[in-house]
């Protein structure tokens, strides 16, 4: 009965918006910067930032997620070109481990290809360790939170059920934003303009769902005015802490990453 109620609630969410776009990404894959480009698209009015975060960290009921999806961030005051606003589209950005068992519900409300972001696991996992240390948190987080194994399952689900999806590499869209985003927006049937690659800094926007616990993760992108190139040095495996089994885990993640890179090549830079 409860499952049917949840399914009905998500169907109701789907009817609230003209179009819904879903972005799923492991942590530290520049997913907020990626989403930031969507904020400038004239057909997109709303943004929901990791609405399932509370179900993972606070064990909240799906009713809390529903409330968040019904009251997303209104992008109209944020857009650089407010007068171009045309529609009531919603963008939802989520993490594989946060949405977890509710993944099928999430993708069921999208009427466009699901977008999966990837990044070299040595970079995204080291970055998450660094961000934990930055605010004095335990860097030995559960390995499920790297997102890779669940991401592979979620991509496979789409493939097996013939649900359209795209795989995009963070390094590619950061280094060749015009090439990559023009392809992506063509695939999801939205007009693209290079004006969408720059924006006003919005440091006062609150994206964190946990009372500011994760605010430090978004300060850089909210203070930015456009896509920044990927210039980070990829660490050697031996440079990443051995604690918590990170090195062995990264070896598994690299296999997933290399497999998904084949699909990501379809949306890679036109010019190398």
C-alpha atoms as a PDB file:
ATOM      1  CA  UNK A   1       0.000   0.000   0.000  1.00  0.00           C
ATOM      2  CA  UNK A   2       2.761   2.435   1.012  1.00  0.00           C
ATOM      3  CA  UNK A   3       4.614   1.757  -2.241  1.00  0.00           C
ATOM      4  CA  UNK A   4       1.483   2.616  -4.236  1.00  0.00           C
ATOM      5  CA  UNK A   5       1.045   5.835  -2.262  1.00  0.00           C
ATOM      6  CA  UNK A   6       4.630   6.833  -3.000  1.00  0.00           C
ATOM      7  CA  UNK A   7       4.225   6.047  -6.687  1.00  0.00           C
ATOM      8  CA  UNK A   8       1.060   8.148  -6.817  1.00  0.00           C
ATOM      9  CA  UNK A   9       2.821  11.040  -5.050  1.00  0.00           C
ATOM     10  CA  UNK A  10       5.647  10.996  -7.575  1.00  0.00           C
ATOM     11  CA  UNK A  11       3.180  10.865 -10.459  1.00  0.00           C
ATOM     12  CA  UNK A  12       1.568  13.972  -9.012  1.00  0.00           C
ATOM     13  CA  UNK A  13       4.995  15.656  -8.956  1.00  0.00           C
ATOM     14  CA  UNK A  14       5.456  14.842 -12.624  1.00  0.00           C
ATOM     15  CA  UNK A  15       2.208  16.637 -13.419  1.00  0.00           C
ATOM     16  CA  UNK A  16       3.334  19.824 -11.671  1.00  0.00           C
ATOM     17  CA  UNK A  17       6.065  20.674 -14.172  1.00  0.00           C
ATOM     18  CA  UNK A  18       6.102  20.947 -17.926  1.00  0.00           C
ATOM     19  CA  UNK A  19       9.412  19.070 -18.131  1.00  0.00           C
ATOM     20  CA  UNK A  20      11.603  17.322 -15.556  1.00  0.00           C
ATOM     21  CA  UNK A  21      15.314  16.665 -16.072  1.00  0.00           C
ATOM     22  CA  UNK A  22      17.295  14.342 -13.775  1.00  0.00           C
ATOM     23  CA  UNK A  23      21.052  14.517 -13.211  1.00  0.00           C
ATOM     24  CA  UNK A  24      22.726  11.753 -11.181  1.00  0.00           C
ATOM     25  CA  UNK A  25      26.344  12.001 -10.131  1.00  0.00           C
ATOM     26  CA  UNK A  26      28.817  10.602  -7.605  1.00  0.00           C
ATOM     27  CA  UNK A  27      30.113  13.234  -5.165  1.00  0.00           C
ATOM     28  CA  UNK A  28      32.747  15.708  -6.356  1.00  0.00           C
ATOM     29  CA  UNK A  29      32.079  15.308 -10.079  1.00  0.00           C
ATOM     30  CA  UNK A  30      31.263  19.004 -10.628  1.00  0.00           C
ATOM     31  CA  UNK A  31      27.568  18.163 -10.708  1.00  0.00           C
ATOM     32  CA  UNK A  32      26.468  21.454  -9.141  1.00  0.00           C
ATOM     33  CA  UNK A  33      28.476  23.415 -11.737  1.00  0.00           C
ATOM     34  CA  UNK A  34      26.944  21.225 -14.435  1.00  0.00           C
ATOM     35  CA  UNK A  35      23.474  21.954 -13.077  1.00  0.00           C
ATOM     36  CA  UNK A  36      24.302  25.647 -12.894  1.00  0.00           C
ATOM     37  CA  UNK A  37      24.324  25.806 -16.702  1.00  0.00           C
ATOM     38  CA  UNK A  38      20.752  24.472 -16.690  1.00  0.00           C
ATOM     39  CA  UNK A  39      19.734  27.326 -14.398  1.00  0.00           C
ATOM     40  CA  UNK A  40      20.321  29.729 -17.285  1.00  0.00           C
ATOM     41  CA  UNK A  41      18.213  27.801 -19.802  1.00  0.00           C
ATOM     42  CA  UNK A  42      15.014  29.795 -20.511  1.00  0.00           C
ATOM     43  CA  UNK A  43      12.734  26.733 -20.292  1.00  0.00           C
ATOM     44  CA  UNK A  44      13.902  25.832 -16.787  1.00  0.00           C
ATOM     45  CA  UNK A  45      12.255  27.638 -13.881  1.00  0.00           C
ATOM     46  CA  UNK A  46      13.046  25.399 -10.900  1.00  0.00           C
ATOM     47  CA  UNK A  47      15.914  23.447  -9.349  1.00  0.00           C
ATOM     48  CA  UNK A  48      15.848  20.746  -6.659  1.00  0.00           C
ATOM     49  CA  UNK A  49      19.202  20.034  -5.074  1.00  0.00           C
ATOM     50  CA  UNK A  50      19.608  16.459  -3.818  1.00  0.00           C
ATOM     51  CA  UNK A  51      16.100  16.103  -2.375  1.00  0.00           C
ATOM     52  CA  UNK A  52      16.835  12.523  -1.262  1.00  0.00           C
ATOM     53  CA  UNK A  53      19.773  13.648   0.876  1.00  0.00           C
ATOM     54  CA  UNK A  54      17.562  13.692   3.974  1.00  0.00           C
ATOM     55  CA  UNK A  55      16.424  10.101   3.420  1.00  0.00           C
ATOM     56  CA  UNK A  56      20.038   8.907   3.548  1.00  0.00           C
ATOM     57  CA  UNK A  57      21.528  11.055   6.305  1.00  0.00           C
ATOM     58  CA  UNK A  58      18.444  11.647   8.463  1.00  0.00           C
ATOM     59  CA  UNK A  59      16.339   8.572   7.569  1.00  0.00           C
ATOM     60  CA  UNK A  60      13.503  10.883   6.559  1.00  0.00           C
ATOM     61  CA  UNK A  61      10.345   9.521   4.961  1.00  0.00           C
ATOM     62  CA  UNK A  62       9.671   9.997   1.250  1.00  0.00           C
ATOM     63  CA  UNK A  63       6.996  12.496   2.225  1.00  0.00           C
ATOM     64  CA  UNK A  64       9.844  14.893   3.040  1.00  0.00           C
ATOM     65  CA  UNK A  65      11.251  14.428  -0.458  1.00  0.00           C
ATOM     66  CA  UNK A  66       7.834  15.100  -1.952  1.00  0.00           C
ATOM     67  CA  UNK A  67       7.631  18.377  -0.037  1.00  0.00           C
ATOM     68  CA  UNK A  68      11.038  19.401  -1.349  1.00  0.00           C
ATOM     69  CA  UNK A  69      10.070  18.579  -4.925  1.00  0.00           C
ATOM     70  CA  UNK A  70       6.907  20.624  -4.559  1.00  0.00           C
ATOM     71  CA  UNK A  71       8.910  23.609  -3.303  1.00  0.00           C
ATOM     72  CA  UNK A  72      12.135  23.703  -5.338  1.00  0.00           C
ATOM     73  CA  UNK A  73      14.383  26.724  -5.750  1.00  0.00           C
ATOM     74  CA  UNK A  74      12.758  29.289  -8.000  1.00  0.00           C
ATOM     75  CA  UNK A  75      15.461  30.273 -10.497  1.00  0.00           C
ATOM     76  CA  UNK A  76      13.684  33.304 -11.913  1.00  0.00           C
ATOM     77  CA  UNK A  77      15.363  35.835  -9.567  1.00  0.00           C
ATOM     78  CA  UNK A  78      18.726  34.154 -10.190  1.00  0.00           C
ATOM     79  CA  UNK A  79      18.779  33.984 -13.966  1.00  0.00           C
ATOM     80  CA  UNK A  80      21.029  36.430 -15.791  1.00  0.00           C
ATOM     81  CA  UNK A  81      18.350  36.924 -18.451  1.00  0.00           C
ATOM     82  CA  UNK A  82      15.119  36.828 -16.474  1.00  0.00           C
ATOM     83  CA  UNK A  83      13.062  38.194 -19.334  1.00  0.00           C
ATOM     84  CA  UNK A  84      13.772  35.053 -21.405  1.00  0.00           C
ATOM     85  CA  UNK A  85      11.970  32.713 -18.976  1.00  0.00           C
ATOM     86  CA  UNK A  86       9.578  30.580 -21.025  1.00  0.00           C
ATOM     87  CA  UNK A  87       8.412  27.586 -19.056  1.00  0.00           C
ATOM     88  CA  UNK A  88       8.155  25.693 -15.753  1.00  0.00           C
ATOM     89  CA  UNK A  89      10.840  23.072 -16.248  1.00  0.00           C
ATOM     90  CA  UNK A  90      12.433  21.428 -13.195  1.00  0.00           C
ATOM     91  CA  UNK A  91      15.990  20.114 -12.849  1.00  0.00           C
ATOM     92  CA  UNK A  92      16.701  17.560 -10.119  1.00  0.00           C
ATOM     93  CA  UNK A  93      20.297  16.799  -9.175  1.00  0.00           C
ATOM     94  CA  UNK A  94      20.954  13.749  -7.016  1.00  0.00           C
ATOM     95  CA  UNK A  95      23.662  11.369  -5.746  1.00  0.00           C
ATOM     96  CA  UNK A  96      23.513   7.598  -6.430  1.00  0.00           C
ATOM     97  CA  UNK A  97      23.782   6.563  -2.784  1.00  0.00           C
ATOM     98  CA  UNK A  98      21.321   9.165  -1.499  1.00  0.00           C
ATOM     99  CA  UNK A  99      18.521   8.164  -3.846  1.00  0.00           C
ATOM    100  CA  UNK A 100      19.485   4.496  -3.381  1.00  0.00           C
ATOM    101  CA  UNK A 101      16.404   2.220  -3.377  1.00  0.00           C
ATOM    102  CA  UNK A 102      14.207   5.108  -4.520  1.00  0.00           C
ATOM    103  CA  UNK A 103      16.052   5.388  -7.814  1.00  0.00           C
ATOM    104  CA  UNK A 104      13.215   3.961  -9.909  1.00  0.00           C
ATOM    105  CA  UNK A 105      10.777   6.474  -8.448  1.00  0.00           C
ATOM    106  CA  UNK A 106      13.119   9.339  -9.286  1.00  0.00           C
ATOM    107  CA  UNK A 107      13.722   8.438 -12.906  1.00  0.00           C
ATOM    108  CA  UNK A 108      10.045   7.631 -13.438  1.00  0.00           C
ATOM    109  CA  UNK A 109       9.144  11.322 -13.235  1.00  0.00           C
ATOM    110  CA  UNK A 110      11.626  12.450 -15.899  1.00  0.00           C
ATOM    111  CA  UNK A 111      10.410  12.787 -19.467  1.00  0.00           C
ATOM    112  CA  UNK A 112      13.919  13.201 -20.889  1.00  0.00           C
ATOM    113  CA  UNK A 113      17.128  11.141 -20.986  1.00  0.00           C
ATOM    114  CA  UNK A 114      18.687  10.669 -17.534  1.00  0.00           C
ATOM    115  CA  UNK A 115      22.075  12.373 -17.327  1.00  0.00           C
ATOM    116  CA  UNK A 116      24.858  10.534 -15.479  1.00  0.00           C
ATOM    117  CA  UNK A 117      28.043  12.427 -14.635  1.00  0.00           C
ATOM    118  CA  UNK A 118      31.392  10.734 -14.121  1.00  0.00           C
ATOM    119  CA  UNK A 119      34.936  11.808 -13.202  1.00  0.00           C
ATOM    120  CA  UNK A 120      38.189   9.919 -12.730  1.00  0.00           C
ATOM    121  CA  UNK A 121      37.600   8.133  -9.378  1.00  0.00           C
ATOM    122  CA  UNK A 122      41.055   9.095  -8.122  1.00  0.00           C
ATOM    123  CA  UNK A 123      39.987  12.721  -8.425  1.00  0.00           C
ATOM    124  CA  UNK A 124      36.471  12.545  -7.044  1.00  0.00           C
ATOM    125  CA  UNK A 125      37.353  10.285  -4.106  1.00  0.00           C
ATOM    126  CA  UNK A 126      40.459  12.273  -3.145  1.00  0.00           C
ATOM    127  CA  UNK A 127      38.413  15.469  -3.402  1.00  0.00           C
ATOM    128  CA  UNK A 128      35.780  14.079  -1.028  1.00  0.00           C
ATOM    129  CA  UNK A 129      38.473  13.058   1.454  1.00  0.00           C
ATOM    130  CA  UNK A 130      39.948  16.563   1.254  1.00  0.00           C
ATOM    131  CA  UNK A 131      36.558  18.199   1.789  1.00  0.00           C
ATOM    132  CA  UNK A 132      35.934  16.042   4.858  1.00  0.00           C
ATOM    133  CA  UNK A 133      39.294  17.043   6.311  1.00  0.00           C
ATOM    134  CA  UNK A 134      38.645  20.703   5.490  1.00  0.00           C
ATOM    135  CA  UNK A 135      35.860  20.896   8.069  1.00  0.00           C
ATOM    136  CA  UNK A 136      37.258  18.417  10.570  1.00  0.00           C
ATOM    137  CA  UNK A 137      35.076  15.460   9.613  1.00  0.00           C
ATOM    138  CA  UNK A 138      36.163  11.828   9.539  1.00  0.00           C
ATOM    139  CA  UNK A 139      37.642  11.241   6.057  1.00  0.00           C
ATOM    140  CA  UNK A 140      36.980   7.500   6.274  1.00  0.00           C
ATOM    141  CA  UNK A 141      33.429   7.692   4.968  1.00  0.00           C
ATOM    142  CA  UNK A 142      31.453   4.563   3.940  1.00  0.00           C
ATOM    143  CA  UNK A 143      32.611   3.336   0.538  1.00  0.00           C
ATOM    144  CA  UNK A 144      29.040   3.282  -0.751  1.00  0.00           C
ATOM    145  CA  UNK A 145      29.250   7.083  -0.653  1.00  0.00           C
ATOM    146  CA  UNK A 146      31.816   7.208  -3.455  1.00  0.00           C
ATOM    147  CA  UNK A 147      28.761   6.476  -5.583  1.00  0.00           C
ATOM    148  CA  UNK A 148      30.430   4.318  -8.204  1.00  0.00           C
ATOM    149  CA  UNK A 149      28.972   0.871  -7.616  1.00  0.00           C
ATOM    150  CA  UNK A 150      25.429   2.197  -7.342  1.00  0.00           C
ATOM    151  CA  UNK A 151      25.951   4.441 -10.371  1.00  0.00           C
ATOM    152  CA  UNK A 152      26.914   1.364 -12.411  1.00  0.00           C
ATOM    153  CA  UNK A 153      23.727  -0.399 -11.271  1.00  0.00           C
ATOM    154  CA  UNK A 154      21.602   2.625 -12.118  1.00  0.00           C
ATOM    155  CA  UNK A 155      23.102   2.998 -15.590  1.00  0.00           C
ATOM    156  CA  UNK A 156      22.629  -0.736 -16.188  1.00  0.00           C
ATOM    157  CA  UNK A 157      18.991  -0.459 -15.142  1.00  0.00           C
ATOM    158  CA  UNK A 158      18.414   2.229 -17.734  1.00  0.00           C
ATOM    159  CA  UNK A 159      20.182   0.174 -20.376  1.00  0.00           C
ATOM    160  CA  UNK A 160      18.252  -3.004 -19.596  1.00  0.00           C
ATOM    161  CA  UNK A 161      14.892  -1.217 -19.543  1.00  0.00           C
ATOM    162  CA  UNK A 162      15.616   0.902 -22.615  1.00  0.00           C
ATOM    163  CA  UNK A 163      15.368   4.157 -20.666  1.00  0.00           C
ATOM    164  CA  UNK A 164      17.244   6.882 -22.569  1.00  0.00           C
ATOM    165  CA  UNK A 165      20.318   8.237 -20.807  1.00  0.00           C
ATOM    166  CA  UNK A 166      23.545  10.146 -21.372  1.00  0.00           C
ATOM    167  CA  UNK A 167      26.949   9.762 -19.737  1.00  0.00           C
ATOM    168  CA  UNK A 168      29.053  12.912 -19.433  1.00  0.00           C
ATOM    169  CA  UNK A 169      32.596  13.212 -18.101  1.00  0.00           C
ATOM    170  CA  UNK A 170      33.226  16.141 -15.766  1.00  0.00           C
ATOM    171  CA  UNK A 171      36.640  16.841 -17.284  1.00  0.00           C
ATOM    172  CA  UNK A 172      35.120  17.036 -20.750  1.00  0.00           C
ATOM    173  CA  UNK A 173      32.357  19.498 -19.950  1.00  0.00           C
ATOM    174  CA  UNK A 174      34.700  21.686 -17.916  1.00  0.00           C
ATOM    175  CA  UNK A 175      37.394  21.845 -20.589  1.00  0.00           C
ATOM    176  CA  UNK A 176      35.117  22.031 -23.627  1.00  0.00           C
ATOM    177  CA  UNK A 177      31.850  23.447 -22.277  1.00  0.00           C
ATOM    178  CA  UNK A 178      30.518  24.803 -25.556  1.00  0.00           C
ATOM    179  CA  UNK A 179      31.094  21.540 -27.445  1.00  0.00           C
ATOM    180  CA  UNK A 180      29.765  19.270 -24.724  1.00  0.00           C
ATOM    181  CA  UNK A 181      26.735  21.273 -23.638  1.00  0.00           C
ATOM    182  CA  UNK A 182      25.623  21.895 -27.204  1.00  0.00           C
ATOM    183  CA  UNK A 183      25.502  18.120 -27.698  1.00  0.00           C
ATOM    184  CA  UNK A 184      23.756  17.485 -24.390  1.00  0.00           C
ATOM    185  CA  UNK A 185      21.040  20.058 -24.941  1.00  0.00           C
ATOM    186  CA  UNK A 186      20.444  18.735 -28.423  1.00  0.00           C
ATOM    187  CA  UNK A 187      19.905  15.269 -26.941  1.00  0.00           C
ATOM    188  CA  UNK A 188      17.393  16.529 -24.384  1.00  0.00           C
ATOM    189  CA  UNK A 189      15.658  18.717 -26.962  1.00  0.00           C
ATOM    190  CA  UNK A 190      16.452  22.103 -25.423  1.00  0.00           C
ATOM    191  CA  UNK A 191      17.993  25.117 -27.192  1.00  0.00           C
ATOM    192  CA  UNK A 192      21.558  25.938 -26.175  1.00  0.00           C
ATOM    193  CA  UNK A 193      23.307  29.289 -26.150  1.00  0.00           C
ATOM    194  CA  UNK A 194      26.851  30.137 -25.093  1.00  0.00           C
ATOM    195  CA  UNK A 195      25.284  32.770 -22.816  1.00  0.00           C
ATOM    196  CA  UNK A 196      24.246  29.891 -20.566  1.00  0.00           C
ATOM    197  CA  UNK A 197      27.905  29.229 -19.738  1.00  0.00           C
ATOM    198  CA  UNK A 198      28.246  32.393 -17.658  1.00  0.00           C
ATOM    199  CA  UNK A 199      26.165  33.696 -14.785  1.00  0.00           C
ATOM    200  CA  UNK A 200      26.011  35.973 -11.781  1.00  0.00           C
ATOM    201  CA  UNK A 201      27.597  34.788  -8.531  1.00  0.00           C
ATOM    202  CA  UNK A 202      24.900  33.632  -6.086  1.00  0.00           C
ATOM    203  CA  UNK A 203      26.680  33.040  -2.761  1.00  0.00           C
ATOM    204  CA  UNK A 204      23.494  33.486  -0.718  1.00  0.00           C
ATOM    205  CA  UNK A 205      21.642  30.581  -2.328  1.00  0.00           C
ATOM    206  CA  UNK A 206      21.149  27.724   0.152  1.00  0.00           C
ATOM    207  CA  UNK A 207      21.627  24.293  -1.403  1.00  0.00           C
ATOM    208  CA  UNK A 208      22.372  22.248   1.703  1.00  0.00           C
ATOM    209  CA  UNK A 209      19.486  20.188   3.123  1.00  0.00           C
ATOM    210  CA  UNK A 210      21.186  19.371   6.434  1.00  0.00           C
ATOM    211  CA  UNK A 211      21.210  22.649   8.318  1.00  0.00           C
ATOM    212  CA  UNK A 212      24.415  23.931   6.736  1.00  0.00           C
ATOM    213  CA  UNK A 213      26.372  20.723   7.357  1.00  0.00           C
ATOM    214  CA  UNK A 214      27.345  20.515   3.668  1.00  0.00           C
ATOM    215  CA  UNK A 215      27.393  24.212   2.768  1.00  0.00           C
ATOM    216  CA  UNK A 216      31.173  24.211   2.292  1.00  0.00           C
ATOM    217  CA  UNK A 217      30.759  21.839  -0.639  1.00  0.00           C
ATOM    218  CA  UNK A 218      28.975  24.460  -2.741  1.00  0.00           C
ATOM    219  CA  UNK A 219      30.717  27.744  -1.930  1.00  0.00           C
ATOM    220  CA  UNK A 220      33.091  27.591  -4.898  1.00  0.00           C
ATOM    221  CA  UNK A 221      30.424  27.067  -7.549  1.00  0.00           C
ATOM    222  CA  UNK A 222      28.001  29.556  -5.987  1.00  0.00           C
ATOM    223  CA  UNK A 223      30.712  32.210  -5.951  1.00  0.00           C
ATOM    224  CA  UNK A 224      31.725  31.421  -9.530  1.00  0.00           C
ATOM    225  CA  UNK A 225      30.577  33.209 -12.680  1.00  0.00           C
ATOM    226  CA  UNK A 226      31.060  30.375 -15.153  1.00  0.00           C
ATOM    227  CA  UNK A 227      32.479  26.924 -15.857  1.00  0.00           C
ATOM    228  CA  UNK A 228      36.063  26.584 -14.643  1.00  0.00           C
ATOM    229  CA  UNK A 229      38.538  24.351 -16.527  1.00  0.00           C
ATOM    230  CA  UNK A 230      39.647  21.007 -15.076  1.00  0.00           C
ATOM    231  CA  UNK A 231      43.294  21.541 -14.177  1.00  0.00           C
ATOM    232  CA  UNK A 232      43.518  19.248 -11.141  1.00  0.00           C
ATOM    233  CA  UNK A 233      46.394  16.780 -11.151  1.00  0.00           C
ATOM    234  CA  UNK A 234      45.247  13.161 -11.010  1.00  0.00           C
ATOM    235  CA  UNK A 235      46.864  11.645  -7.908  1.00  0.00           C
ATOM    236  CA  UNK A 236      48.747   8.376  -8.089  1.00  0.00           C
ATOM    237  CA  UNK A 237      46.888   5.551  -6.392  1.00  0.00           C
ATOM    238  CA  UNK A 238      49.638   5.347  -3.770  1.00  0.00           C
ATOM    239  CA  UNK A 239      49.030   8.989  -2.827  1.00  0.00           C
ATOM    240  CA  UNK A 240      45.457   8.250  -1.733  1.00  0.00           C
ATOM    241  CA  UNK A 241      45.066   7.098   1.900  1.00  0.00           C
ATOM    242  CA  UNK A 242      45.040   3.346   2.429  1.00  0.00           C
ATOM    243  CA  UNK A 243      42.674   3.732   5.371  1.00  0.00           C
ATOM    244  CA  UNK A 244      39.161   2.412   4.896  1.00  0.00           C
ATOM    245  CA  UNK A 245      40.263   0.373   1.868  1.00  0.00           C
ATOM    246  CA  UNK A 246      40.208   3.376  -0.457  1.00  0.00           C
ATOM    247  CA  UNK A 247      43.010   2.192  -2.743  1.00  0.00           C
ATOM    248  CA  UNK A 248      41.468  -1.223  -3.387  1.00  0.00           C
ATOM    249  CA  UNK A 249      38.049   0.367  -3.813  1.00  0.00           C
ATOM    250  CA  UNK A 250      39.387   2.833  -6.367  1.00  0.00           C
ATOM    251  CA  UNK A 251      40.695  -0.061  -8.465  1.00  0.00           C
ATOM    252  CA  UNK A 252      37.114  -1.346  -8.731  1.00  0.00           C
ATOM    253  CA  UNK A 253      35.803   2.150  -9.428  1.00  0.00           C
ATOM    254  CA  UNK A 254      38.353   2.639 -12.216  1.00  0.00           C
ATOM    255  CA  UNK A 255      36.935  -0.373 -14.034  1.00  0.00           C
ATOM    256  CA  UNK A 256      33.456   1.132 -13.839  1.00  0.00           C
ATOM    257  CA  UNK A 257      34.776   4.523 -14.921  1.00  0.00           C
ATOM    258  CA  UNK A 258      36.628   3.120 -17.939  1.00  0.00           C
ATOM    259  CA  UNK A 259      33.522   1.225 -19.021  1.00  0.00           C
ATOM    260  CA  UNK A 260      31.354   4.338 -18.751  1.00  0.00           C
ATOM    261  CA  UNK A 261      33.992   6.432 -20.508  1.00  0.00           C
ATOM    262  CA  UNK A 262      33.168   4.548 -23.701  1.00  0.00           C
ATOM    263  CA  UNK A 263      29.637   5.954 -23.558  1.00  0.00           C
ATOM    264  CA  UNK A 264      30.868   9.358 -22.410  1.00  0.00           C
ATOM    265  CA  UNK A 265      32.963   9.635 -25.577  1.00  0.00           C
ATOM    266  CA  UNK A 266      29.730  10.273 -27.468  1.00  0.00           C
ATOM    267  CA  UNK A 267      29.490  13.600 -25.624  1.00  0.00           C
ATOM    268  CA  UNK A 268      33.201  14.380 -25.476  1.00  0.00           C
ATOM    269  CA  UNK A 269      35.094  17.351 -26.869  1.00  0.00           C
ATOM    270  CA  UNK A 270      34.859  17.834 -30.607  1.00  0.00           C
ATOM    271  CA  UNK A 271      38.389  19.228 -30.612  1.00  0.00           C
ATOM    272  CA  UNK A 272      41.152  17.437 -28.767  1.00  0.00           C
END
